[in-house]
C-alpha cells in the first residue's frame, strides 16, 4: 500500500531541522581560515599543508578553550593534535603559538 499524498507531506514536514551551530565549537569562516592557515604556516610550514586537517584540529583546539580547560591542558592537547605527519614533532613553544593562532583567528 502506498502512502497517500497527505501522509508524504506530513513526513516531509516532520523532518528534523538543520542543526544550529554549537557556540562551544565555532568554525572559522573563509577569511578567518585564511588568517589561521597563514599563522599556522608561519609556526611550521607543515601545519598548513593540509588545510582541511588544520582547520579540523583548530576547531578541536577551540573546543578545548571554550570548555574552560586549563591553558596548560589546551596547549598539551594542541601539541599532540598537531604533531606528526607533515609537521613532525612540535615543541611546547610551537603548541603555545598554535593556541594563540586559533584564538587570534576565530576562537574569541
PDB file of N, CA and C in Angstrom:
ATOM      1  N   UNK A   1       0.836  -1.174   0.000  1.00  0.00           N
ATOM      2  CA  UNK A   1       0.000   0.000   0.000  1.00  0.00           C
ATOM      3  C   UNK A   1       0.885   1.243   0.000  1.00  0.00           C
ATOM      4  N   UNK A   2       0.604   2.173  -0.885  1.00  0.00           N
ATOM      5  CA  UNK A   2       1.392   3.396  -0.974  1.00  0.00           C
ATOM      6  C   UNK A   2       0.805   4.464  -0.060  1.00  0.00           C
ATOM      7  N   UNK A   3       1.659   5.290   0.534  1.00  0.00           N
ATOM      8  CA  UNK A   3       1.124   6.360   1.387  1.00  0.00           C
ATOM      9  C   UNK A   3       0.384   7.378   0.545  1.00  0.00           C
ATOM     10  N   UNK A   4      -0.629   7.951   1.124  1.00  0.00           N
ATOM     11  CA  UNK A   4      -1.381   8.990   0.418  1.00  0.00           C
ATOM     12  C   UNK A   4      -0.529  10.243   0.341  1.00  0.00           C
ATOM     13  N   UNK A   5      -0.847  11.156  -0.577  1.00  0.00           N
ATOM     14  CA  UNK A   5      -0.051  12.392  -0.680  1.00  0.00           C
ATOM     15  C   UNK A   5      -0.002  13.170   0.628  1.00  0.00           C
ATOM     16  N   UNK A   6      -1.078  13.177   1.393  1.00  0.00           N
ATOM     17  CA  UNK A   6      -1.064  13.925   2.649  1.00  0.00           C
ATOM     18  C   UNK A   6      -0.101  13.293   3.648  1.00  0.00           C
ATOM     19  N   UNK A   7       0.026  11.950   3.629  1.00  0.00           N
ATOM     20  CA  UNK A   7       0.977  11.279   4.510  1.00  0.00           C
ATOM     21  C   UNK A   7       2.398  11.653   4.139  1.00  0.00           C
ATOM     22  N   UNK A   8       2.707  11.688   2.848  1.00  0.00           N
ATOM     23  CA  UNK A   8       4.050  12.054   2.402  1.00  0.00           C
ATOM     24  C   UNK A   8       4.410  13.460   2.839  1.00  0.00           C
ATOM     25  N   UNK A   9       3.439  14.367   2.727  1.00  0.00           N
ATOM     26  CA  UNK A   9       3.709  15.752   3.130  1.00  0.00           C
ATOM     27  C   UNK A   9       3.985  15.854   4.625  1.00  0.00           C
ATOM     28  N   UNK A  10       3.237  15.104   5.428  1.00  0.00           N
ATOM     29  CA  UNK A  10       3.452  15.208   6.865  1.00  0.00           C
ATOM     30  C   UNK A  10       4.810  14.631   7.252  1.00  0.00           C
ATOM     31  N   UNK A  11       5.259  13.597   6.558  1.00  0.00           N
ATOM     32  CA  UNK A  11       6.579  13.035   6.835  1.00  0.00           C
ATOM     33  C   UNK A  11       7.658  14.056   6.507  1.00  0.00           C
ATOM     34  N   UNK A  12       7.517  14.713   5.372  1.00  0.00           N
ATOM     35  CA  UNK A  12       8.492  15.724   4.980  1.00  0.00           C
ATOM     36  C   UNK A  12       8.488  16.881   5.964  1.00  0.00           C
ATOM     37  N   UNK A  13       7.306  17.330   6.378  1.00  0.00           N
ATOM     38  CA  UNK A  13       7.239  18.479   7.274  1.00  0.00           C
ATOM     39  C   UNK A  13       7.777  18.158   8.667  1.00  0.00           C
ATOM     40  N   UNK A  14       7.819  16.852   9.021  1.00  0.00           N
ATOM     41  CA  UNK A  14       8.339  16.464  10.320  1.00  0.00           C
ATOM     42  C   UNK A  14       9.841  16.178  10.288  1.00  0.00           C
ATOM     43  N   UNK A  15      10.462  16.358   9.132  1.00  0.00           N
ATOM     44  CA  UNK A  15      11.902  16.114   9.023  1.00  0.00           C
ATOM     45  C   UNK A  15      12.640  17.044   9.974  1.00  0.00           C
ATOM     46  N   UNK A  16      13.714  16.577  10.590  1.00  0.00           N
ATOM     47  CA  UNK A  16      14.456  17.434  11.528  1.00  0.00           C
ATOM     48  C   UNK A  16      15.029  18.656  10.819  1.00  0.00           C
ATOM     49  N   UNK A  17      15.036  19.739  11.530  1.00  0.00           N
ATOM     50  CA  UNK A  17      15.618  20.976  11.001  1.00  0.00           C
ATOM     51  C   UNK A  17      17.135  20.864  11.065  1.00  0.00           C
ATOM     52  N   UNK A  18      17.806  21.624  10.219  1.00  0.00           N
ATOM     53  CA  UNK A  18      19.268  21.638  10.233  1.00  0.00           C
ATOM     54  C   UNK A  18      19.742  22.068  11.612  1.00  0.00           C
ATOM     55  N   UNK A  19      20.730  21.373  12.116  1.00  0.00           N
ATOM     56  CA  UNK A  19      21.242  21.653  13.457  1.00  0.00           C
ATOM     57  C   UNK A  19      21.820  23.059  13.521  1.00  0.00           C
ATOM     58  N   UNK A  20      21.600  23.699  14.646  1.00  0.00           N
ATOM     59  CA  UNK A  20      22.171  25.023  14.876  1.00  0.00           C
ATOM     60  C   UNK A  20      23.651  24.877  15.193  1.00  0.00           C
ATOM     61  N   UNK A  21      24.432  25.892  14.866  1.00  0.00           N
ATOM     62  CA  UNK A  21      25.863  25.868  15.162  1.00  0.00           C
ATOM     63  C   UNK A  21      26.057  25.832  16.674  1.00  0.00           C
ATOM     64  N   UNK A  22      27.016  25.064  17.116  1.00  0.00           N
ATOM     65  CA  UNK A  22      27.317  24.936  18.533  1.00  0.00           C
ATOM     66  C   UNK A  22      28.249  26.077  18.926  1.00  0.00           C
ATOM     67  N   UNK A  23      27.807  26.967  19.829  1.00  0.00           N
ATOM     68  CA  UNK A  23      28.667  28.097  20.209  1.00  0.00           C
ATOM     69  C   UNK A  23      29.960  27.654  20.880  1.00  0.00           C
ATOM     70  N   UNK A  24      30.000  26.438  21.429  1.00  0.00           N
ATOM     71  CA  UNK A  24      31.228  25.934  22.035  1.00  0.00           C
ATOM     72  C   UNK A  24      32.147  25.318  20.993  1.00  0.00           C
ATOM     73  N   UNK A  25      31.703  25.242  19.753  1.00  0.00           N
ATOM     74  CA  UNK A  25      32.504  24.648  18.691  1.00  0.00           C
ATOM     75  C   UNK A  25      32.455  25.545  17.449  1.00  0.00           C
ATOM     76  N   UNK A  26      32.919  26.787  17.595  1.00  0.00           N
ATOM     77  CA  UNK A  26      32.880  27.685  16.433  1.00  0.00           C
ATOM     78  C   UNK A  26      33.839  27.230  15.342  1.00  0.00           C
ATOM     79  N   UNK A  27      33.462  27.511  14.116  1.00  0.00           N
ATOM     80  CA  UNK A  27      34.309  27.183  12.974  1.00  0.00           C
ATOM     81  C   UNK A  27      34.652  28.469  12.239  1.00  0.00           C
ATOM     82  N   UNK A  28      35.844  28.542  11.699  1.00  0.00           N
ATOM     83  CA  UNK A  28      36.256  29.772  11.007  1.00  0.00           C
ATOM     84  C   UNK A  28      35.539  29.932   9.675  1.00  0.00           C
ATOM     85  N   UNK A  29      35.251  31.199   9.336  1.00  0.00           N
ATOM     86  CA  UNK A  29      34.720  31.485   8.004  1.00  0.00           C
ATOM     87  C   UNK A  29      35.912  31.554   7.035  1.00  0.00           C
ATOM     88  N   UNK A  30      35.656  31.877   5.787  1.00  0.00           N
ATOM     89  CA  UNK A  30      36.722  31.858   4.767  1.00  0.00           C
ATOM     90  C   UNK A  30      37.874  32.802   5.117  1.00  0.00           C
ATOM     91  N   UNK A  31      37.555  34.013   5.543  1.00  0.00           N
ATOM     92  CA  UNK A  31      38.605  34.973   5.896  1.00  0.00           C
ATOM     93  C   UNK A  31      39.404  34.536   7.109  1.00  0.00           C
ATOM     94  N   UNK A  32      38.699  34.018   8.114  1.00  0.00           N
ATOM     95  CA  UNK A  32      39.372  33.536   9.310  1.00  0.00           C
ATOM     96  C   UNK A  32      40.246  32.324   9.006  1.00  0.00           C
ATOM     97  N   UNK A  33      39.764  31.469   8.100  1.00  0.00           N
ATOM     98  CA  UNK A  33      40.554  30.304   7.702  1.00  0.00           C
ATOM     99  C   UNK A  33      41.852  30.743   7.037  1.00  0.00           C
ATOM    100  N   UNK A  34      41.762  31.747   6.188  1.00  0.00           N
ATOM    101  CA  UNK A  34      42.958  32.261   5.508  1.00  0.00           C
ATOM    102  C   UNK A  34      43.975  32.767   6.536  1.00  0.00           C
ATOM    103  N   UNK A  35      43.503  33.520   7.523  1.00  0.00           N
ATOM    104  CA  UNK A  35      44.382  34.030   8.579  1.00  0.00           C
ATOM    105  C   UNK A  35      44.965  32.884   9.387  1.00  0.00           C
ATOM    106  N   UNK A  36      44.123  31.930   9.758  1.00  0.00           N
ATOM    107  CA  UNK A  36      44.564  30.786  10.544  1.00  0.00           C
ATOM    108  C   UNK A  36      45.652  30.000   9.822  1.00  0.00           C
ATOM    109  N   UNK A  37      45.422  29.695   8.559  1.00  0.00           N
ATOM    110  CA  UNK A  37      46.384  28.903   7.786  1.00  0.00           C
ATOM    111  C   UNK A  37      47.709  29.661   7.630  1.00  0.00           C
ATOM    112  N   UNK A  38      47.633  30.960   7.413  1.00  0.00           N
ATOM    113  CA  UNK A  38      48.859  31.767   7.317  1.00  0.00           C
ATOM    114  C   UNK A  38      49.623  31.743   8.634  1.00  0.00           C
ATOM    115  N   UNK A  39      48.898  31.884   9.749  1.00  0.00           N
ATOM    116  CA  UNK A  39      49.548  31.872  11.058  1.00  0.00           C
ATOM    117  C   UNK A  39      50.170  30.512  11.362  1.00  0.00           C
ATOM    118  N   UNK A  40      49.438  29.436  11.053  1.00  0.00           N
ATOM    119  CA  UNK A  40      49.971  28.096  11.288  1.00  0.00           C
ATOM    120  C   UNK A  40      51.202  27.844  10.421  1.00  0.00           C
ATOM    121  N   UNK A  41      51.156  28.291   9.176  1.00  0.00           N
ATOM    122  CA  UNK A  41      52.293  28.127   8.277  1.00  0.00           C
ATOM    123  C   UNK A  41      53.521  28.870   8.754  1.00  0.00           C
ATOM    124  N   UNK A  42      53.313  30.002   9.421  1.00  0.00           N
ATOM    125  CA  UNK A  42      54.439  30.758   9.963  1.00  0.00           C
ATOM    126  C   UNK A  42      55.077  30.029  11.153  1.00  0.00           C
ATOM    127  N   UNK A  43      54.290  29.262  11.885  1.00  0.00           N
ATOM    128  CA  UNK A  43      54.803  28.490  13.020  1.00  0.00           C
ATOM    129  C   UNK A  43      55.608  27.296  12.515  1.00  0.00           C
ATOM    130  N   UNK A  44      55.034  26.603  11.529  1.00  0.00           N
ATOM    131  CA  UNK A  44      55.670  25.422  10.938  1.00  0.00           C
ATOM    132  C   UNK A  44      54.968  25.186   9.599  1.00  0.00           C
ATOM    133  N   UNK A  45      55.665  25.291   8.493  1.00  0.00           N
ATOM    134  CA  UNK A  45      55.018  25.138   7.182  1.00  0.00           C
ATOM    135  C   UNK A  45      54.206  23.845   7.036  1.00  0.00           C
ATOM    136  N   UNK A  46      54.614  22.790   7.719  1.00  0.00           N
ATOM    137  CA  UNK A  46      53.883  21.529   7.645  1.00  0.00           C
ATOM    138  C   UNK A  46      52.491  21.599   8.235  1.00  0.00           C
ATOM    139  N   UNK A  47      52.269  22.546   9.142  1.00  0.00           N
ATOM    140  CA  UNK A  47      50.949  22.687   9.757  1.00  0.00           C
ATOM    141  C   UNK A  47      49.896  23.168   8.765  1.00  0.00           C
ATOM    142  N   UNK A  48      50.329  23.849   7.721  1.00  0.00           N
ATOM    143  CA  UNK A  48      49.390  24.461   6.775  1.00  0.00           C
ATOM    144  C   UNK A  48      49.235  23.685   5.477  1.00  0.00           C
ATOM    145  N   UNK A  49      49.953  22.586   5.321  1.00  0.00           N
ATOM    146  CA  UNK A  49      49.923  21.873   4.045  1.00  0.00           C
ATOM    147  C   UNK A  49      48.569  21.252   3.734  1.00  0.00           C
ATOM    148  N   UNK A  50      47.884  20.751   4.736  1.00  0.00           N
ATOM    149  CA  UNK A  50      46.561  20.151   4.535  1.00  0.00           C
ATOM    150  C   UNK A  50      45.537  21.012   5.276  1.00  0.00           C
ATOM    151  N   UNK A  51      44.948  21.966   4.540  1.00  0.00           N
ATOM    152  CA  UNK A  51      44.085  22.968   5.146  1.00  0.00           C
ATOM    153  C   UNK A  51      42.911  22.351   5.905  1.00  0.00           C
ATOM    154  N   UNK A  52      42.223  21.388   5.317  1.00  0.00           N
ATOM    155  CA  UNK A  52      41.072  20.780   5.990  1.00  0.00           C
ATOM    156  C   UNK A  52      41.462  20.171   7.332  1.00  0.00           C
ATOM    157  N   UNK A  53      42.583  19.471   7.342  1.00  0.00           N
ATOM    158  CA  UNK A  53      43.065  18.848   8.577  1.00  0.00           C
ATOM    159  C   UNK A  53      43.431  19.928   9.596  1.00  0.00           C
ATOM    160  N   UNK A  54      44.093  20.979   9.154  1.00  0.00           N
ATOM    161  CA  UNK A  54      44.489  22.054  10.059  1.00  0.00           C
ATOM    162  C   UNK A  54      43.265  22.727  10.674  1.00  0.00           C
ATOM    163  N   UNK A  55      42.240  22.942   9.865  1.00  0.00           N
ATOM    164  CA  UNK A  55      41.016  23.571  10.373  1.00  0.00           C
ATOM    165  C   UNK A  55      40.331  22.649  11.377  1.00  0.00           C
ATOM    166  N   UNK A  56      40.207  21.370  11.055  1.00  0.00           N
ATOM    167  CA  UNK A  56      39.583  20.408  11.981  1.00  0.00           C
ATOM    168  C   UNK A  56      40.305  20.401  13.330  1.00  0.00           C
ATOM    169  N   UNK A  57      41.609  20.352  13.282  1.00  0.00           N
ATOM    170  CA  UNK A  57      42.390  20.324  14.517  1.00  0.00           C
ATOM    171  C   UNK A  57      42.264  21.645  15.278  1.00  0.00           C
ATOM    172  N   UNK A  58      42.158  22.732  14.546  1.00  0.00           N
ATOM    173  CA  UNK A  58      41.984  24.039  15.180  1.00  0.00           C
ATOM    174  C   UNK A  58      40.612  24.157  15.836  1.00  0.00           C
ATOM    175  N   UNK A  59      39.589  23.630  15.185  1.00  0.00           N
ATOM    176  CA  UNK A  59      38.237  23.634  15.762  1.00  0.00           C
ATOM    177  C   UNK A  59      38.241  22.826  17.061  1.00  0.00           C
ATOM    178  N   UNK A  60      38.930  21.688  17.061  1.00  0.00           N
ATOM    179  CA  UNK A  60      39.018  20.882  18.284  1.00  0.00           C
ATOM    180  C   UNK A  60      39.777  21.620  19.388  1.00  0.00           C
ATOM    181  N   UNK A  61      40.812  22.346  19.003  1.00  0.00           N
ATOM    182  CA  UNK A  61      41.551  23.149  19.977  1.00  0.00           C
ATOM    183  C   UNK A  61      40.650  24.239  20.542  1.00  0.00           C
ATOM    184  N   UNK A  62      39.859  24.863  19.692  1.00  0.00           N
ATOM    185  CA  UNK A  62      38.923  25.891  20.148  1.00  0.00           C
ATOM    186  C   UNK A  62      37.898  25.285  21.109  1.00  0.00           C
ATOM    187  N   UNK A  63      37.459  24.075  20.836  1.00  0.00           N
ATOM    188  CA  UNK A  63      36.516  23.400  21.737  1.00  0.00           C
ATOM    189  C   UNK A  63      37.128  23.228  23.124  1.00  0.00           C
ATOM    190  N   UNK A  64      38.418  22.903  23.179  1.00  0.00           N
ATOM    191  CA  UNK A  64      39.114  22.791  24.467  1.00  0.00           C
ATOM    192  C   UNK A  64      39.103  24.134  25.196  1.00  0.00           C
ATOM    193  N   UNK A  65      39.370  25.195  24.446  1.00  0.00           N
ATOM    194  CA  UNK A  65      39.391  26.541  25.030  1.00  0.00           C
ATOM    195  C   UNK A  65      38.011  26.894  25.573  1.00  0.00           C
ATOM    196  N   UNK A  66      36.982  26.690  24.750  1.00  0.00           N
ATOM    197  CA  UNK A  66      35.613  27.034  25.133  1.00  0.00           C
ATOM    198  C   UNK A  66      35.099  26.175  26.282  1.00  0.00           C
ATOM    199  N   UNK A  67      35.652  24.965  26.420  1.00  0.00           N
ATOM    200  CA  UNK A  67      35.252  24.077  27.515  1.00  0.00           C
ATOM    201  C   UNK A  67      35.866  24.513  28.846  1.00  0.00           C
ATOM    202  N   UNK A  68      36.775  25.481  28.788  1.00  0.00           N
ATOM    203  CA  UNK A  68      37.381  26.001  30.000  1.00  0.00           C
ATOM    204  C   UNK A  68      38.521  25.161  30.545  1.00  0.00           C
ATOM    205  N   UNK A  69      39.132  24.353  29.677  1.00  0.00           N
ATOM    206  CA  UNK A  69      40.279  23.569  30.130  1.00  0.00           C
ATOM    207  C   UNK A  69      41.418  24.511  30.528  1.00  0.00           C
ATOM    208  N   UNK A  70      42.240  24.102  31.467  1.00  0.00           N
ATOM    209  CA  UNK A  70      43.384  24.934  31.845  1.00  0.00           C
ATOM    210  C   UNK A  70      44.294  25.165  30.629  1.00  0.00           C
ATOM    211  N   UNK A  71      44.932  26.305  30.583  1.00  0.00           N
ATOM    212  CA  UNK A  71      45.785  26.675  29.447  1.00  0.00           C
ATOM    213  C   UNK A  71      46.840  25.613  29.160  1.00  0.00           C
ATOM    214  N   UNK A  72      47.413  25.033  30.211  1.00  0.00           N
ATOM    215  CA  UNK A  72      48.441  24.008  30.021  1.00  0.00           C
ATOM    216  C   UNK A  72      47.868  22.782  29.304  1.00  0.00           C
ATOM    217  N   UNK A  73      46.636  22.413  29.642  1.00  0.00           N
ATOM    218  CA  UNK A  73      45.992  21.249  29.020  1.00  0.00           C
ATOM    219  C   UNK A  73      45.641  21.554  27.563  1.00  0.00           C
ATOM    220  N   UNK A  74      45.160  22.758  27.294  1.00  0.00           N
ATOM    221  CA  UNK A  74      44.852  23.158  25.917  1.00  0.00           C
ATOM    222  C   UNK A  74      46.114  23.082  25.071  1.00  0.00           C
ATOM    223  N   UNK A  75      47.212  23.608  25.604  1.00  0.00           N
ATOM    224  CA  UNK A  75      48.491  23.592  24.888  1.00  0.00           C
ATOM    225  C   UNK A  75      48.981  22.161  24.685  1.00  0.00           C
ATOM    226  N   UNK A  76      48.889  21.340  25.711  1.00  0.00           N
ATOM    227  CA  UNK A  76      49.315  19.941  25.613  1.00  0.00           C
ATOM    228  C   UNK A  76      48.502  19.215  24.543  1.00  0.00           C
ATOM    229  N   UNK A  77      47.178  19.395  24.573  1.00  0.00           N
ATOM    230  CA  UNK A  77      46.314  18.750  23.578  1.00  0.00           C
ATOM    231  C   UNK A  77      46.637  19.234  22.167  1.00  0.00           C
ATOM    232  N   UNK A  78      46.908  20.529  22.021  1.00  0.00           N
ATOM    233  CA  UNK A  78      47.246  21.075  20.702  1.00  0.00           C
ATOM    234  C   UNK A  78      48.542  20.457  20.194  1.00  0.00           C
ATOM    235  N   UNK A  79      49.504  20.314  21.071  1.00  0.00           N
ATOM    236  CA  UNK A  79      50.787  19.711  20.665  1.00  0.00           C
ATOM    237  C   UNK A  79      50.569  18.290  20.156  1.00  0.00           C
ATOM    238  N   UNK A  80      49.799  17.507  20.893  1.00  0.00           N
ATOM    239  CA  UNK A  80      49.513  16.134  20.468  1.00  0.00           C
ATOM    240  C   UNK A  80      48.693  16.106  19.178  1.00  0.00           C
ATOM    241  N   UNK A  81      47.716  16.988  19.103  1.00  0.00           N
ATOM    242  CA  UNK A  81      46.783  17.021  17.975  1.00  0.00           C
ATOM    243  C   UNK A  81      47.481  17.400  16.670  1.00  0.00           C
ATOM    244  N   UNK A  82      48.405  18.347  16.726  1.00  0.00           N
ATOM    245  CA  UNK A  82      49.040  18.865  15.522  1.00  0.00           C
ATOM    246  C   UNK A  82      50.360  18.176  15.175  1.00  0.00           C
ATOM    247  N   UNK A  83      50.942  17.429  16.104  1.00  0.00           N
ATOM    248  CA  UNK A  83      52.214  16.750  15.841  1.00  0.00           C
ATOM    249  C   UNK A  83      52.033  15.604  14.864  1.00  0.00           C
ATOM    250  N   UNK A  84      53.116  15.315  14.169  1.00  0.00           N
ATOM    251  CA  UNK A  84      53.111  14.186  13.243  1.00  0.00           C
ATOM    252  C   UNK A  84      52.859  14.629  11.812  1.00  0.00           C
ATOM    253  N   UNK A  85      52.872  13.676  10.932  1.00  0.00           N
ATOM    254  CA  UNK A  85      52.628  13.954   9.518  1.00  0.00           C
ATOM    255  C   UNK A  85      53.607  14.975   8.975  1.00  0.00           C
ATOM    256  N   UNK A  86      53.088  15.934   8.239  1.00  0.00           N
ATOM    257  CA  UNK A  86      53.928  16.945   7.591  1.00  0.00           C
ATOM    258  C   UNK A  86      54.549  17.924   8.582  1.00  0.00           C
ATOM    259  N   UNK A  87      53.991  18.008   9.805  1.00  0.00           N
ATOM    260  CA  UNK A  87      54.513  18.955  10.795  1.00  0.00           C
ATOM    261  C   UNK A  87      55.643  18.371  11.630  1.00  0.00           C
ATOM    262  N   UNK A  88      55.741  17.058  11.704  1.00  0.00           N
ATOM    263  CA  UNK A  88      56.762  16.441  12.544  1.00  0.00           C
ATOM    264  C   UNK A  88      56.457  16.647  14.015  1.00  0.00           C
ATOM    265  N   UNK A  89      57.472  16.556  14.840  1.00  0.00           N
ATOM    266  CA  UNK A  89      57.316  16.771  16.279  1.00  0.00           C
ATOM    267  C   UNK A  89      57.280  18.263  16.565  1.00  0.00           C
ATOM    268  N   UNK A  90      56.398  18.647  17.437  1.00  0.00           N
ATOM    269  CA  UNK A  90      56.273  20.056  17.781  1.00  0.00           C
ATOM    270  C   UNK A  90      56.772  20.304  19.191  1.00  0.00           C
ATOM    271  N   UNK A  91      57.251  21.507  19.425  1.00  0.00           N
ATOM    272  CA  UNK A  91      57.714  21.906  20.748  1.00  0.00           C
ATOM    273  C   UNK A  91      56.555  22.515  21.534  1.00  0.00           C
ATOM    274  N   UNK A  92      56.764  22.679  22.824  1.00  0.00           N
ATOM    275  CA  UNK A  92      55.765  23.351  23.652  1.00  0.00           C
ATOM    276  C   UNK A  92      55.545  24.786  23.166  1.00  0.00           C
ATOM    277  N   UNK A  93      56.620  25.429  22.755  1.00  0.00           N
ATOM    278  CA  UNK A  93      56.513  26.808  22.258  1.00  0.00           C
ATOM    279  C   UNK A  93      55.667  26.866  20.987  1.00  0.00           C
ATOM    280  N   UNK A  94      55.855  25.913  20.082  1.00  0.00           N
ATOM    281  CA  UNK A  94      55.029  25.874  18.868  1.00  0.00           C
ATOM    282  C   UNK A  94      53.565  25.618  19.224  1.00  0.00           C
ATOM    283  N   UNK A  95      53.338  24.750  20.191  1.00  0.00           N
ATOM    284  CA  UNK A  95      51.959  24.474  20.621  1.00  0.00           C
ATOM    285  C   UNK A  95      51.322  25.723  21.203  1.00  0.00           C
ATOM    286  N   UNK A  96      52.087  26.485  21.979  1.00  0.00           N
ATOM    287  CA  UNK A  96      51.576  27.742  22.541  1.00  0.00           C
ATOM    288  C   UNK A  96      51.186  28.699  21.418  1.00  0.00           C
ATOM    289  N   UNK A  97      52.019  28.771  20.386  1.00  0.00           N
ATOM    290  CA  UNK A  97      51.740  29.647  19.245  1.00  0.00           C
ATOM    291  C   UNK A  97      50.521  29.160  18.457  1.00  0.00           C
ATOM    292  N   UNK A  98      50.337  27.856  18.366  1.00  0.00           N
ATOM    293  CA  UNK A  98      49.154  27.316  17.681  1.00  0.00           C
ATOM    294  C   UNK A  98      47.890  27.760  18.419  1.00  0.00           C
ATOM    295  N   UNK A  99      47.907  27.630  19.746  1.00  0.00           N
ATOM    296  CA  UNK A  99      46.747  28.052  20.541  1.00  0.00           C
ATOM    297  C   UNK A  99      46.486  29.538  20.330  1.00  0.00           C
ATOM    298  N   UNK A 100      47.529  30.341  20.305  1.00  0.00           N
ATOM    299  CA  UNK A 100      47.369  31.779  20.066  1.00  0.00           C
ATOM    300  C   UNK A 100      46.812  32.041  18.661  1.00  0.00           C
ATOM    301  N   UNK A 101      47.249  31.272  17.674  1.00  0.00           N
ATOM    302  CA  UNK A 101      46.744  31.430  16.305  1.00  0.00           C
ATOM    303  C   UNK A 101      45.262  31.098  16.237  1.00  0.00           C
ATOM    304  N   UNK A 102      44.861  30.060  16.936  1.00  0.00           N
ATOM    305  CA  UNK A 102      43.453  29.673  16.962  1.00  0.00           C
ATOM    306  C   UNK A 102      42.631  30.784  17.625  1.00  0.00           C
ATOM    307  N   UNK A 103      43.097  31.264  18.768  1.00  0.00           N
ATOM    308  CA  UNK A 103      42.396  32.346  19.467  1.00  0.00           C
ATOM    309  C   UNK A 103      42.333  33.613  18.619  1.00  0.00           C
ATOM    310  N   UNK A 104      43.443  33.933  17.980  1.00  0.00           N
ATOM    311  CA  UNK A 104      43.524  35.182  17.224  1.00  0.00           C
ATOM    312  C   UNK A 104      42.728  35.171  15.925  1.00  0.00           C
ATOM    313  N   UNK A 105      42.506  34.008  15.371  1.00  0.00           N
ATOM    314  CA  UNK A 105      41.838  33.958  14.066  1.00  0.00           C
ATOM    315  C   UNK A 105      40.325  33.786  14.169  1.00  0.00           C
ATOM    316  N   UNK A 106      39.838  32.907  15.054  1.00  0.00           N
ATOM    317  CA  UNK A 106      38.385  32.694  15.076  1.00  0.00           C
ATOM    318  C   UNK A 106      37.812  32.299  16.439  1.00  0.00           C
ATOM    319  N   UNK A 107      38.629  31.879  17.366  1.00  0.00           N
ATOM    320  CA  UNK A 107      38.129  31.369  18.650  1.00  0.00           C
ATOM    321  C   UNK A 107      38.224  32.453  19.708  1.00  0.00           C
ATOM    322  N   UNK A 108      37.269  33.363  19.673  1.00  0.00           N
ATOM    323  CA  UNK A 108      37.304  34.527  20.573  1.00  0.00           C
ATOM    324  C   UNK A 108      36.486  34.272  21.818  1.00  0.00           C
TER     325      UNK A 108
END
